[in-house]
């Protein structure tokens, strides 16, 4: 197998393609990739920052000594690496994922992505179709110890209009109402965002920024992603 189209579907955001290919430079290494309107979106090859969003978020949420299992809300399913990283912790009791595109949920249910078998067998995980931004702008019917958002490319490079207002002071304040005391909001971005940082400082008592740099040896370049955390 050198190249295979697993799914090619029209969505409300554009044409979504799930593909699997063997790396020509590394025979035997198979990666799964997602494109949106033929532009690269995500890959199973480099997932350090997606996983760090959850692992660092869990560590920060635990600093206040909850004394119980954490409840985690993840915005954006993708290929499942953020959710899987949260579930890797024995201190996490539940992970709820809200995914905007039902097609992406279908890929997971059909076993088309690398983590399908593991995540489909995880009793602590629930996945639902919905708009995470609309949910966080609404009433807080349930509180979470960690909310991890990995949807847009960055606050300035968004996938759709759903996140409008979320990155503002008002939007972040609304999202913070869904957190437990000492709870953490984490946001993934491929770019450094000074406006988001300043807005988070206006809302949260403690703000932390982490950058995750990894060598993409397929193109011999380092790439850096940014993680923004705010704690109540």
C-alpha atoms as a PDB file:
ATOM      1  CA  UNK A   1       0.000   0.000   0.000  1.00  0.00           C
ATOM      2  CA  UNK A   2       1.493   3.347  -1.034  1.00  0.00           C
ATOM      3  CA  UNK A   3      -1.576   5.646  -1.150  1.00  0.00           C
ATOM      4  CA  UNK A   4      -5.244   5.135  -0.294  1.00  0.00           C
ATOM      5  CA  UNK A   5      -8.237   7.477  -0.080  1.00  0.00           C
ATOM      6  CA  UNK A   6     -10.269   6.333   2.925  1.00  0.00           C
ATOM      7  CA  UNK A   7     -13.001   8.967   2.732  1.00  0.00           C
ATOM      8  CA  UNK A   8     -13.823  11.931   0.498  1.00  0.00           C
ATOM      9  CA  UNK A   9     -16.845  13.891   1.678  1.00  0.00           C
ATOM     10  CA  UNK A  10     -18.498  17.275   1.338  1.00  0.00           C
ATOM     11  CA  UNK A  11     -19.041  19.090   4.636  1.00  0.00           C
ATOM     12  CA  UNK A  12     -20.303  22.467   5.797  1.00  0.00           C
ATOM     13  CA  UNK A  13     -16.672  23.631   5.953  1.00  0.00           C
ATOM     14  CA  UNK A  14     -15.587  22.251   2.559  1.00  0.00           C
ATOM     15  CA  UNK A  15     -14.418  18.983   1.008  1.00  0.00           C
ATOM     16  CA  UNK A  16     -12.872  16.752   3.638  1.00  0.00           C
ATOM     17  CA  UNK A  17     -10.471  13.987   2.655  1.00  0.00           C
ATOM     18  CA  UNK A  18      -9.068  11.212   4.835  1.00  0.00           C
ATOM     19  CA  UNK A  19      -6.106   9.469   3.264  1.00  0.00           C
ATOM     20  CA  UNK A  20      -3.478   6.945   4.227  1.00  0.00           C
ATOM     21  CA  UNK A  21      -0.067   6.684   2.638  1.00  0.00           C
ATOM     22  CA  UNK A  22       3.266   4.982   3.043  1.00  0.00           C
ATOM     23  CA  UNK A  23       6.176   7.383   3.311  1.00  0.00           C
ATOM     24  CA  UNK A  24       8.467   7.008   0.335  1.00  0.00           C
ATOM     25  CA  UNK A  25      11.408   8.091   2.457  1.00  0.00           C
ATOM     26  CA  UNK A  26      10.549   5.508   5.131  1.00  0.00           C
ATOM     27  CA  UNK A  27       9.225   2.285   3.620  1.00  0.00           C
ATOM     28  CA  UNK A  28       6.906   0.582   6.064  1.00  0.00           C
ATOM     29  CA  UNK A  29       5.901   3.799   7.831  1.00  0.00           C
ATOM     30  CA  UNK A  30       2.230   4.548   7.185  1.00  0.00           C
ATOM     31  CA  UNK A  31       0.605   7.872   8.097  1.00  0.00           C
ATOM     32  CA  UNK A  32      -2.996   8.991   8.108  1.00  0.00           C
ATOM     33  CA  UNK A  33      -3.715  12.537   6.940  1.00  0.00           C
ATOM     34  CA  UNK A  34      -6.679  14.876   6.660  1.00  0.00           C
ATOM     35  CA  UNK A  35      -7.121  17.654   4.114  1.00  0.00           C
ATOM     36  CA  UNK A  36      -9.837  20.292   3.870  1.00  0.00           C
ATOM     37  CA  UNK A  37     -10.503  21.680   0.390  1.00  0.00           C
ATOM     38  CA  UNK A  38      -7.240  19.995  -0.642  1.00  0.00           C
ATOM     39  CA  UNK A  39      -5.217  21.900   1.977  1.00  0.00           C
ATOM     40  CA  UNK A  40      -3.345  19.965   4.647  1.00  0.00           C
ATOM     41  CA  UNK A  41      -5.165  19.906   7.999  1.00  0.00           C
ATOM     42  CA  UNK A  42      -3.633  17.245  10.256  1.00  0.00           C
ATOM     43  CA  UNK A  43      -1.543  14.082  10.307  1.00  0.00           C
ATOM     44  CA  UNK A  44      -0.824  11.101  12.518  1.00  0.00           C
ATOM     45  CA  UNK A  45       2.914  11.615  11.935  1.00  0.00           C
ATOM     46  CA  UNK A  46       3.585  14.554  14.276  1.00  0.00           C
ATOM     47  CA  UNK A  47       1.169  14.733  17.207  1.00  0.00           C
ATOM     48  CA  UNK A  48       3.339  16.080  20.034  1.00  0.00           C
ATOM     49  CA  UNK A  49       1.506  19.375  20.482  1.00  0.00           C
ATOM     50  CA  UNK A  50      -1.991  17.859  20.317  1.00  0.00           C
ATOM     51  CA  UNK A  51      -1.036  15.402  23.043  1.00  0.00           C
ATOM     52  CA  UNK A  52       0.714  18.087  25.111  1.00  0.00           C
ATOM     53  CA  UNK A  53      -2.481  20.161  25.142  1.00  0.00           C
ATOM     54  CA  UNK A  54      -4.101  17.418  27.207  1.00  0.00           C
ATOM     55  CA  UNK A  55      -1.146  16.247  29.291  1.00  0.00           C
ATOM     56  CA  UNK A  56      -0.117  19.738  30.415  1.00  0.00           C
ATOM     57  CA  UNK A  57      -3.746  20.697  30.956  1.00  0.00           C
ATOM     58  CA  UNK A  58      -4.289  17.675  33.207  1.00  0.00           C
ATOM     59  CA  UNK A  59      -1.119  18.476  35.165  1.00  0.00           C
ATOM     60  CA  UNK A  60      -2.284  22.055  35.755  1.00  0.00           C
ATOM     61  CA  UNK A  61      -5.777  20.943  36.776  1.00  0.00           C
ATOM     62  CA  UNK A  62      -4.267  18.544  39.318  1.00  0.00           C
ATOM     63  CA  UNK A  63      -2.141  21.205  40.983  1.00  0.00           C
ATOM     64  CA  UNK A  64      -5.060  22.307  43.145  1.00  0.00           C
ATOM     65  CA  UNK A  65      -5.412  18.795  44.563  1.00  0.00           C
ATOM     66  CA  UNK A  66      -8.893  17.878  43.362  1.00  0.00           C
ATOM     67  CA  UNK A  67      -9.042  14.682  45.396  1.00  0.00           C
ATOM     68  CA  UNK A  68     -11.204  13.046  42.739  1.00  0.00           C
ATOM     69  CA  UNK A  69     -11.108  12.018  39.101  1.00  0.00           C
ATOM     70  CA  UNK A  70     -11.037  14.860  36.586  1.00  0.00           C
ATOM     71  CA  UNK A  71     -13.765  15.578  34.062  1.00  0.00           C
ATOM     72  CA  UNK A  72     -12.371  16.747  30.712  1.00  0.00           C
ATOM     73  CA  UNK A  73     -14.099  18.402  27.754  1.00  0.00           C
ATOM     74  CA  UNK A  74     -12.314  18.390  24.384  1.00  0.00           C
ATOM     75  CA  UNK A  75     -13.361  20.632  21.524  1.00  0.00           C
ATOM     76  CA  UNK A  76     -12.470  18.919  18.245  1.00  0.00           C
ATOM     77  CA  UNK A  77     -11.987  15.187  17.725  1.00  0.00           C
ATOM     78  CA  UNK A  78      -9.578  15.249  14.788  1.00  0.00           C
ATOM     79  CA  UNK A  79      -7.624  12.003  14.748  1.00  0.00           C
ATOM     80  CA  UNK A  80      -8.182  11.562  18.480  1.00  0.00           C
ATOM     81  CA  UNK A  81      -4.737  12.296  19.886  1.00  0.00           C
ATOM     82  CA  UNK A  82      -5.809  14.987  22.371  1.00  0.00           C
ATOM     83  CA  UNK A  83      -8.568  12.800  23.778  1.00  0.00           C
ATOM     84  CA  UNK A  84      -6.250   9.785  23.948  1.00  0.00           C
ATOM     85  CA  UNK A  85      -3.614  11.778  25.836  1.00  0.00           C
ATOM     86  CA  UNK A  86      -6.175  12.875  28.424  1.00  0.00           C
ATOM     87  CA  UNK A  87      -7.396   9.301  28.842  1.00  0.00           C
ATOM     88  CA  UNK A  88      -3.821   8.134  29.367  1.00  0.00           C
ATOM     89  CA  UNK A  89      -3.944   9.694  32.841  1.00  0.00           C
ATOM     90  CA  UNK A  90      -5.400   7.560  35.611  1.00  0.00           C
ATOM     91  CA  UNK A  91      -6.488  10.801  37.260  1.00  0.00           C
ATOM     92  CA  UNK A  92      -9.048  11.421  34.500  1.00  0.00           C
ATOM     93  CA  UNK A  93     -12.489   9.975  35.114  1.00  0.00           C
ATOM     94  CA  UNK A  94     -14.270  11.102  31.957  1.00  0.00           C
ATOM     95  CA  UNK A  95     -13.530  12.717  28.610  1.00  0.00           C
ATOM     96  CA  UNK A  96     -16.276  14.229  26.499  1.00  0.00           C
ATOM     97  CA  UNK A  97     -15.421  15.238  22.929  1.00  0.00           C
ATOM     98  CA  UNK A  98     -17.567  17.643  20.929  1.00  0.00           C
ATOM     99  CA  UNK A  99     -16.936  17.474  17.172  1.00  0.00           C
ATOM    100  CA  UNK A 100     -18.506  19.853  14.648  1.00  0.00           C
ATOM    101  CA  UNK A 101     -18.285  17.527  11.632  1.00  0.00           C
ATOM    102  CA  UNK A 102     -20.282  14.279  11.834  1.00  0.00           C
ATOM    103  CA  UNK A 103     -18.063  12.816   9.106  1.00  0.00           C
ATOM    104  CA  UNK A 104     -15.082  12.896  11.480  1.00  0.00           C
ATOM    105  CA  UNK A 105     -17.065  11.030  14.120  1.00  0.00           C
ATOM    106  CA  UNK A 106     -18.004   8.487  11.466  1.00  0.00           C
ATOM    107  CA  UNK A 107     -14.341   7.845  10.648  1.00  0.00           C
ATOM    108  CA  UNK A 108     -13.693   6.981  14.269  1.00  0.00           C
ATOM    109  CA  UNK A 109     -16.751   4.748  14.541  1.00  0.00           C
ATOM    110  CA  UNK A 110     -15.844   2.916  11.325  1.00  0.00           C
ATOM    111  CA  UNK A 111     -12.287   2.225  12.437  1.00  0.00           C
ATOM    112  CA  UNK A 112     -10.671   4.341   9.723  1.00  0.00           C
ATOM    113  CA  UNK A 113      -8.186   6.237  11.911  1.00  0.00           C
ATOM    114  CA  UNK A 114      -5.198   4.805  13.815  1.00  0.00           C
ATOM    115  CA  UNK A 115      -6.679   5.282  17.306  1.00  0.00           C
ATOM    116  CA  UNK A 116     -10.170   3.976  16.457  1.00  0.00           C
ATOM    117  CA  UNK A 117      -9.870   0.606  18.174  1.00  0.00           C
ATOM    118  CA  UNK A 118      -8.377   2.063  21.349  1.00  0.00           C
ATOM    119  CA  UNK A 119     -10.823   4.942  21.673  1.00  0.00           C
ATOM    120  CA  UNK A 120     -13.916   2.969  20.702  1.00  0.00           C
ATOM    121  CA  UNK A 121     -13.141   0.548  23.533  1.00  0.00           C
ATOM    122  CA  UNK A 122     -12.639   3.302  26.150  1.00  0.00           C
ATOM    123  CA  UNK A 123     -15.570   3.432  28.625  1.00  0.00           C
ATOM    124  CA  UNK A 124     -14.534   6.852  29.964  1.00  0.00           C
ATOM    125  CA  UNK A 125     -14.951   8.468  26.526  1.00  0.00           C
ATOM    126  CA  UNK A 126     -18.054   9.957  24.928  1.00  0.00           C
ATOM    127  CA  UNK A 127     -18.155  11.686  21.532  1.00  0.00           C
ATOM    128  CA  UNK A 128     -20.986  13.896  20.362  1.00  0.00           C
ATOM    129  CA  UNK A 129     -21.779  16.017  17.326  1.00  0.00           C
ATOM    130  CA  UNK A 130     -22.052  19.707  18.148  1.00  0.00           C
ATOM    131  CA  UNK A 131     -20.540  23.185  18.175  1.00  0.00           C
ATOM    132  CA  UNK A 132     -18.093  23.522  21.061  1.00  0.00           C
ATOM    133  CA  UNK A 133     -18.035  27.307  20.748  1.00  0.00           C
ATOM    134  CA  UNK A 134     -21.808  27.609  20.971  1.00  0.00           C
ATOM    135  CA  UNK A 135     -21.792  25.331  23.989  1.00  0.00           C
ATOM    136  CA  UNK A 136     -19.169  27.378  25.817  1.00  0.00           C
ATOM    137  CA  UNK A 137     -21.055  30.580  25.033  1.00  0.00           C
ATOM    138  CA  UNK A 138     -24.198  29.137  26.608  1.00  0.00           C
ATOM    139  CA  UNK A 139     -25.295  28.135  30.083  1.00  0.00           C
ATOM    140  CA  UNK A 140     -22.961  25.940  32.103  1.00  0.00           C
ATOM    141  CA  UNK A 141     -25.033  22.847  32.758  1.00  0.00           C
ATOM    142  CA  UNK A 142     -21.922  20.821  33.623  1.00  0.00           C
ATOM    143  CA  UNK A 143     -18.547  21.919  34.962  1.00  0.00           C
ATOM    144  CA  UNK A 144     -15.193  20.540  33.803  1.00  0.00           C
ATOM    145  CA  UNK A 145     -11.739  20.468  35.342  1.00  0.00           C
ATOM    146  CA  UNK A 146     -10.120  20.862  31.926  1.00  0.00           C
ATOM    147  CA  UNK A 147     -11.481  22.217  28.668  1.00  0.00           C
ATOM    148  CA  UNK A 148      -9.082  21.659  25.746  1.00  0.00           C
ATOM    149  CA  UNK A 149      -9.815  23.398  22.442  1.00  0.00           C
ATOM    150  CA  UNK A 150      -8.103  22.142  19.273  1.00  0.00           C
ATOM    151  CA  UNK A 151     -10.261  23.295  16.369  1.00  0.00           C
ATOM    152  CA  UNK A 152      -8.927  26.358  14.549  1.00  0.00           C
ATOM    153  CA  UNK A 153      -5.474  26.738  13.033  1.00  0.00           C
ATOM    154  CA  UNK A 154      -5.021  29.758  15.286  1.00  0.00           C
ATOM    155  CA  UNK A 155      -7.176  32.553  16.739  1.00  0.00           C
ATOM    156  CA  UNK A 156      -6.377  34.584  13.637  1.00  0.00           C
ATOM    157  CA  UNK A 157      -6.753  31.683  11.169  1.00  0.00           C
ATOM    158  CA  UNK A 158     -10.085  30.002  11.842  1.00  0.00           C
ATOM    159  CA  UNK A 159     -11.821  27.155  10.030  1.00  0.00           C
ATOM    160  CA  UNK A 160     -15.277  28.689  10.059  1.00  0.00           C
ATOM    161  CA  UNK A 161     -17.409  31.343  11.669  1.00  0.00           C
ATOM    162  CA  UNK A 162     -18.305  29.200  14.665  1.00  0.00           C
ATOM    163  CA  UNK A 163     -15.483  30.569  16.830  1.00  0.00           C
ATOM    164  CA  UNK A 164     -16.383  34.225  16.296  1.00  0.00           C
ATOM    165  CA  UNK A 165     -16.131  35.967  19.651  1.00  0.00           C
ATOM    166  CA  UNK A 166     -14.615  33.002  21.492  1.00  0.00           C
ATOM    167  CA  UNK A 167     -11.098  34.427  21.687  1.00  0.00           C
ATOM    168  CA  UNK A 168     -12.291  37.785  23.027  1.00  0.00           C
ATOM    169  CA  UNK A 169     -12.381  38.700  26.717  1.00  0.00           C
ATOM    170  CA  UNK A 170     -16.152  38.225  26.734  1.00  0.00           C
ATOM    171  CA  UNK A 171     -15.889  34.856  24.985  1.00  0.00           C
ATOM    172  CA  UNK A 172     -13.216  33.580  27.352  1.00  0.00           C
ATOM    173  CA  UNK A 173     -15.214  34.763  30.375  1.00  0.00           C
ATOM    174  CA  UNK A 174     -18.218  32.819  29.107  1.00  0.00           C
ATOM    175  CA  UNK A 175     -16.068  29.718  28.609  1.00  0.00           C
ATOM    176  CA  UNK A 176     -14.595  30.055  32.095  1.00  0.00           C
ATOM    177  CA  UNK A 177     -18.078  29.651  33.586  1.00  0.00           C
ATOM    178  CA  UNK A 178     -17.917  26.006  32.450  1.00  0.00           C
ATOM    179  CA  UNK A 179     -14.863  25.326  34.632  1.00  0.00           C
ATOM    180  CA  UNK A 180     -14.715  24.014  38.185  1.00  0.00           C
ATOM    181  CA  UNK A 181     -12.833  26.132  40.761  1.00  0.00           C
ATOM    182  CA  UNK A 182      -9.197  25.723  39.765  1.00  0.00           C
ATOM    183  CA  UNK A 183     -10.235  24.408  36.364  1.00  0.00           C
ATOM    184  CA  UNK A 184      -8.126  24.975  33.246  1.00  0.00           C
ATOM    185  CA  UNK A 185      -8.899  26.179  29.735  1.00  0.00           C
ATOM    186  CA  UNK A 186      -6.330  25.146  27.108  1.00  0.00           C
ATOM    187  CA  UNK A 187      -6.210  26.393  23.508  1.00  0.00           C
ATOM    188  CA  UNK A 188      -4.066  24.990  20.665  1.00  0.00           C
ATOM    189  CA  UNK A 189      -2.631  27.246  17.962  1.00  0.00           C
ATOM    190  CA  UNK A 190      -0.055  26.803  15.216  1.00  0.00           C
ATOM    191  CA  UNK A 191       1.023  30.419  15.728  1.00  0.00           C
ATOM    192  CA  UNK A 192       1.894  32.670  18.630  1.00  0.00           C
ATOM    193  CA  UNK A 193      -1.054  34.969  19.407  1.00  0.00           C
ATOM    194  CA  UNK A 194      -0.408  38.050  21.518  1.00  0.00           C
ATOM    195  CA  UNK A 195      -4.082  39.169  21.448  1.00  0.00           C
ATOM    196  CA  UNK A 196      -5.229  35.809  22.839  1.00  0.00           C
ATOM    197  CA  UNK A 197      -2.549  35.925  25.525  1.00  0.00           C
ATOM    198  CA  UNK A 198      -3.593  39.402  26.649  1.00  0.00           C
ATOM    199  CA  UNK A 199      -7.271  38.462  26.667  1.00  0.00           C
ATOM    200  CA  UNK A 200      -6.570  35.345  28.745  1.00  0.00           C
ATOM    201  CA  UNK A 201      -4.630  37.446  31.249  1.00  0.00           C
ATOM    202  CA  UNK A 202      -7.698  39.653  31.604  1.00  0.00           C
ATOM    203  CA  UNK A 203      -9.873  36.650  32.456  1.00  0.00           C
ATOM    204  CA  UNK A 204      -7.766  34.080  34.320  1.00  0.00           C
ATOM    205  CA  UNK A 205      -5.765  34.394  37.523  1.00  0.00           C
ATOM    206  CA  UNK A 206      -2.983  32.215  36.153  1.00  0.00           C
ATOM    207  CA  UNK A 207      -1.936  32.076  32.480  1.00  0.00           C
ATOM    208  CA  UNK A 208       0.757  29.844  31.000  1.00  0.00           C
ATOM    209  CA  UNK A 209       2.043  29.596  27.454  1.00  0.00           C
ATOM    210  CA  UNK A 210       3.930  26.566  26.154  1.00  0.00           C
ATOM    211  CA  UNK A 211       5.488  26.156  22.741  1.00  0.00           C
ATOM    212  CA  UNK A 212       6.070  22.677  21.375  1.00  0.00           C
ATOM    213  CA  UNK A 213       8.779  22.405  18.742  1.00  0.00           C
ATOM    214  CA  UNK A 214       9.333  19.233  16.745  1.00  0.00           C
ATOM    215  CA  UNK A 215      11.530  18.393  13.791  1.00  0.00           C
ATOM    216  CA  UNK A 216       9.503  17.463  10.749  1.00  0.00           C
ATOM    217  CA  UNK A 217      12.141  15.283   9.163  1.00  0.00           C
ATOM    218  CA  UNK A 218       9.980  14.765   6.082  1.00  0.00           C
ATOM    219  CA  UNK A 219      10.785  18.315   5.033  1.00  0.00           C
ATOM    220  CA  UNK A 220      13.814  18.806   7.310  1.00  0.00           C
ATOM    221  CA  UNK A 221      12.232  21.748   9.119  1.00  0.00           C
ATOM    222  CA  UNK A 222      11.315  22.471  12.707  1.00  0.00           C
ATOM    223  CA  UNK A 223       7.710  23.409  13.396  1.00  0.00           C
ATOM    224  CA  UNK A 224       6.397  25.109  16.505  1.00  0.00           C
ATOM    225  CA  UNK A 225       2.869  25.031  17.872  1.00  0.00           C
ATOM    226  CA  UNK A 226       1.600  27.152  20.765  1.00  0.00           C
ATOM    227  CA  UNK A 227      -0.497  26.133  23.746  1.00  0.00           C
ATOM    228  CA  UNK A 228      -2.311  28.709  25.874  1.00  0.00           C
ATOM    229  CA  UNK A 229      -3.578  27.763  29.344  1.00  0.00           C
ATOM    230  CA  UNK A 230      -5.706  29.776  31.734  1.00  0.00           C
ATOM    231  CA  UNK A 231      -6.623  28.617  35.228  1.00  0.00           C
ATOM    232  CA  UNK A 232      -9.388  29.903  37.470  1.00  0.00           C
END
